[in-house]
Amino acid sequence: MEGRHKTYRTWDAQQNGHDPIAPRDALPENDLVFFLIDLIPQLDLTPFHVYDSRELRGQPPFDVTMMVTLLVYA
């Protein structure tokens, strides 16, 4: 397993293909989530990536940036 890296499921914060209602249409313009979508990608999330890279079994994990954004927003 040396040299193998786990990939993440793709995530695009602006894509709403599976949702019947787009967040930008349903939430107020100044909702916290839009601030977090801009802020979280600027943080150093290396420790999360290192942890996920060790586990190669199973399905690809969700994108770390998306999960941290969701956790902080929740």
N, C-alpha and C. Protein backbone atom coordinates (compact mmCIF):
# COMPACT_ATOMS: atom_id res chain seq x y z
N MET A 1 0.81 -1.20 0.00
CA MET A 1 0.00 0.00 0.00
C MET A 1 0.85 1.26 0.00
N GLU A 2 2.14 1.08 0.07
CA GLU A 2 3.05 2.22 0.03
C GLU A 2 2.93 2.92 -1.31
N GLY A 3 2.87 4.21 -1.29
CA GLY A 3 2.80 4.99 -2.52
C GLY A 3 1.40 5.21 -3.04
N ARG A 4 0.41 4.54 -2.45
CA ARG A 4 -0.98 4.74 -2.87
C ARG A 4 -1.59 5.87 -2.06
N HIS A 5 -2.44 6.62 -2.70
CA HIS A 5 -3.10 7.73 -2.02
C HIS A 5 -4.60 7.61 -2.24
N LYS A 6 -5.35 7.92 -1.23
CA LYS A 6 -6.79 7.91 -1.32
C LYS A 6 -7.25 9.20 -1.97
N THR A 7 -8.25 9.12 -2.80
CA THR A 7 -8.81 10.31 -3.44
C THR A 7 -10.09 10.71 -2.73
N TYR A 8 -10.50 11.92 -2.91
CA TYR A 8 -11.73 12.42 -2.31
C TYR A 8 -12.84 12.45 -3.34
N ARG A 9 -14.07 12.33 -2.86
CA ARG A 9 -15.22 12.55 -3.73
C ARG A 9 -15.19 14.03 -4.10
N THR A 10 -15.56 14.34 -5.32
CA THR A 10 -15.50 15.73 -5.74
C THR A 10 -16.58 16.54 -5.04
N TRP A 11 -16.29 17.80 -4.84
CA TRP A 11 -17.24 18.72 -4.22
C TRP A 11 -17.04 20.09 -4.80
N ASP A 12 -18.13 20.69 -5.20
CA ASP A 12 -18.13 22.06 -5.71
C ASP A 12 -19.21 22.81 -4.95
N ALA A 13 -18.82 23.75 -4.12
CA ALA A 13 -19.77 24.48 -3.28
C ALA A 13 -20.81 25.23 -4.10
N GLN A 14 -20.50 25.53 -5.35
CA GLN A 14 -21.42 26.29 -6.19
C GLN A 14 -22.37 25.39 -6.98
N GLN A 15 -22.12 24.09 -6.96
CA GLN A 15 -22.94 23.15 -7.73
C GLN A 15 -24.08 22.63 -6.87
N ASN A 16 -25.27 22.69 -7.39
CA ASN A 16 -26.44 22.26 -6.63
C ASN A 16 -27.26 21.27 -7.46
N GLY A 17 -26.61 20.41 -8.22
CA GLY A 17 -27.30 19.52 -9.14
C GLY A 17 -28.26 18.56 -8.49
N HIS A 18 -28.02 18.17 -7.24
CA HIS A 18 -28.89 17.19 -6.59
C HIS A 18 -29.96 17.85 -5.73
N ASP A 19 -29.88 19.12 -5.53
CA ASP A 19 -30.82 19.81 -4.67
C ASP A 19 -31.91 20.48 -5.50
N PRO A 20 -33.18 20.32 -5.11
CA PRO A 20 -34.23 21.00 -5.85
C PRO A 20 -34.22 22.51 -5.64
N ILE A 21 -33.63 22.96 -4.52
CA ILE A 21 -33.55 24.39 -4.23
C ILE A 21 -32.09 24.74 -4.00
N ALA A 22 -31.59 25.70 -4.72
CA ALA A 22 -30.21 26.14 -4.55
C ALA A 22 -30.09 26.94 -3.25
N PRO A 23 -29.02 26.69 -2.48
CA PRO A 23 -28.84 27.43 -1.22
C PRO A 23 -28.86 28.95 -1.42
N ARG A 24 -28.29 29.43 -2.50
CA ARG A 24 -28.27 30.89 -2.72
C ARG A 24 -29.67 31.44 -2.94
N ASP A 25 -30.59 30.59 -3.39
CA ASP A 25 -31.98 31.02 -3.57
C ASP A 25 -32.78 30.92 -2.28
N ALA A 26 -32.38 30.01 -1.39
CA ALA A 26 -33.16 29.73 -0.19
C ALA A 26 -32.67 30.47 1.05
N LEU A 27 -31.39 30.83 1.07
CA LEU A 27 -30.82 31.46 2.26
C LEU A 27 -30.59 32.95 2.04
N PRO A 28 -30.61 33.72 3.12
CA PRO A 28 -30.33 35.15 2.97
C PRO A 28 -28.91 35.38 2.47
N GLU A 29 -28.71 36.47 1.79
CA GLU A 29 -27.41 36.81 1.20
C GLU A 29 -26.28 36.84 2.24
N ASN A 30 -26.58 37.23 3.46
CA ASN A 30 -25.55 37.35 4.50
C ASN A 30 -25.51 36.15 5.44
N ASP A 31 -26.02 34.98 5.02
CA ASP A 31 -26.00 33.79 5.85
C ASP A 31 -24.56 33.36 6.12
N LEU A 32 -24.33 32.82 7.29
CA LEU A 32 -23.00 32.40 7.73
C LEU A 32 -22.36 31.40 6.76
N VAL A 33 -23.14 30.54 6.15
CA VAL A 33 -22.58 29.50 5.28
C VAL A 33 -21.77 30.09 4.13
N PHE A 34 -22.18 31.20 3.60
CA PHE A 34 -21.45 31.79 2.47
C PHE A 34 -20.10 32.35 2.91
N PHE A 35 -20.04 32.86 4.13
CA PHE A 35 -18.77 33.30 4.70
C PHE A 35 -17.85 32.10 4.90
N LEU A 36 -18.39 31.00 5.42
CA LEU A 36 -17.59 29.80 5.67
C LEU A 36 -17.09 29.18 4.38
N ILE A 37 -17.91 29.18 3.34
CA ILE A 37 -17.50 28.64 2.04
C ILE A 37 -16.29 29.40 1.50
N ASP A 38 -16.20 30.68 1.81
CA ASP A 38 -15.04 31.47 1.39
C ASP A 38 -13.85 31.30 2.35
N LEU A 39 -14.13 31.14 3.64
CA LEU A 39 -13.08 31.10 4.65
C LEU A 39 -12.38 29.75 4.78
N ILE A 40 -13.12 28.68 4.89
CA ILE A 40 -12.56 27.36 5.21
C ILE A 40 -11.48 26.92 4.21
N PRO A 41 -11.65 27.12 2.90
CA PRO A 41 -10.57 26.71 1.98
C PRO A 41 -9.24 27.41 2.22
N GLN A 42 -9.25 28.53 2.93
CA GLN A 42 -8.02 29.26 3.21
C GLN A 42 -7.27 28.70 4.43
N LEU A 43 -7.92 27.83 5.20
CA LEU A 43 -7.29 27.25 6.38
C LEU A 43 -6.37 26.10 6.00
N ASP A 44 -5.39 25.83 6.86
CA ASP A 44 -4.49 24.69 6.64
C ASP A 44 -5.16 23.44 7.19
N LEU A 45 -5.69 22.61 6.30
CA LEU A 45 -6.40 21.40 6.69
C LEU A 45 -5.53 20.15 6.54
N THR A 46 -4.21 20.36 6.49
CA THR A 46 -3.26 19.26 6.30
C THR A 46 -3.46 18.12 7.31
N PRO A 47 -3.67 18.37 8.61
CA PRO A 47 -3.85 17.25 9.54
C PRO A 47 -5.01 16.34 9.16
N PHE A 48 -6.08 16.91 8.63
CA PHE A 48 -7.23 16.10 8.20
C PHE A 48 -6.86 15.26 6.98
N HIS A 49 -6.13 15.86 6.05
CA HIS A 49 -5.72 15.14 4.85
C HIS A 49 -4.77 14.00 5.21
N VAL A 50 -3.86 14.23 6.15
CA VAL A 50 -2.91 13.19 6.57
C VAL A 50 -3.66 12.02 7.19
N TYR A 51 -4.61 12.32 8.03
CA TYR A 51 -5.40 11.26 8.68
C TYR A 51 -6.13 10.43 7.62
N ASP A 52 -6.80 11.08 6.69
CA ASP A 52 -7.56 10.37 5.65
C ASP A 52 -6.65 9.59 4.71
N SER A 53 -5.44 10.07 4.48
CA SER A 53 -4.56 9.41 3.51
C SER A 53 -4.06 8.06 4.02
N ARG A 54 -4.13 7.82 5.32
CA ARG A 54 -3.66 6.55 5.89
C ARG A 54 -4.63 5.39 5.62
N GLU A 55 -5.91 5.70 5.48
CA GLU A 55 -6.93 4.67 5.30
C GLU A 55 -7.26 4.53 3.82
N LEU A 56 -6.95 3.37 3.26
CA LEU A 56 -7.14 3.16 1.83
C LEU A 56 -8.33 2.24 1.53
N ARG A 57 -8.96 1.71 2.54
CA ARG A 57 -10.10 0.82 2.32
C ARG A 57 -11.37 1.64 2.12
N GLY A 58 -12.36 1.00 1.51
CA GLY A 58 -13.68 1.60 1.40
C GLY A 58 -13.80 2.64 0.30
N GLN A 59 -14.96 3.28 0.30
CA GLN A 59 -15.25 4.32 -0.68
C GLN A 59 -14.42 5.57 -0.41
N PRO A 60 -14.23 6.40 -1.43
CA PRO A 60 -13.51 7.65 -1.18
C PRO A 60 -14.27 8.50 -0.16
N PRO A 61 -13.55 9.17 0.73
CA PRO A 61 -14.22 10.03 1.71
C PRO A 61 -14.73 11.30 1.04
N PHE A 62 -15.62 11.98 1.72
CA PHE A 62 -16.07 13.28 1.24
C PHE A 62 -14.92 14.27 1.37
N ASP A 63 -14.96 15.30 0.59
CA ASP A 63 -13.92 16.32 0.59
C ASP A 63 -13.78 16.92 1.99
N VAL A 64 -12.54 17.02 2.45
CA VAL A 64 -12.25 17.54 3.78
C VAL A 64 -12.78 18.96 3.95
N THR A 65 -12.61 19.80 2.95
CA THR A 65 -13.09 21.18 3.02
C THR A 65 -14.59 21.23 3.23
N MET A 66 -15.32 20.40 2.49
CA MET A 66 -16.78 20.37 2.63
C MET A 66 -17.17 19.91 4.03
N MET A 67 -16.52 18.87 4.54
CA MET A 67 -16.88 18.34 5.84
C MET A 67 -16.56 19.32 6.98
N VAL A 68 -15.43 20.02 6.89
CA VAL A 68 -15.09 21.02 7.91
C VAL A 68 -16.09 22.18 7.84
N THR A 69 -16.44 22.60 6.63
CA THR A 69 -17.42 23.68 6.47
C THR A 69 -18.75 23.27 7.09
N LEU A 70 -19.19 22.06 6.81
CA LEU A 70 -20.44 21.55 7.37
C LEU A 70 -20.39 21.48 8.89
N LEU A 71 -19.28 20.99 9.43
CA LEU A 71 -19.14 20.87 10.88
C LEU A 71 -19.16 22.25 11.55
N VAL A 72 -18.44 23.19 11.00
CA VAL A 72 -18.40 24.54 11.60
C VAL A 72 -19.78 25.21 11.48
N TYR A 73 -20.42 25.03 10.35
CA TYR A 73 -21.75 25.63 10.15
C TYR A 73 -22.77 25.02 11.10
N ALA A 74 -22.66 23.71 11.32
CA ALA A 74 -23.62 23.03 12.21
C ALA A 74 -23.45 23.51 13.65
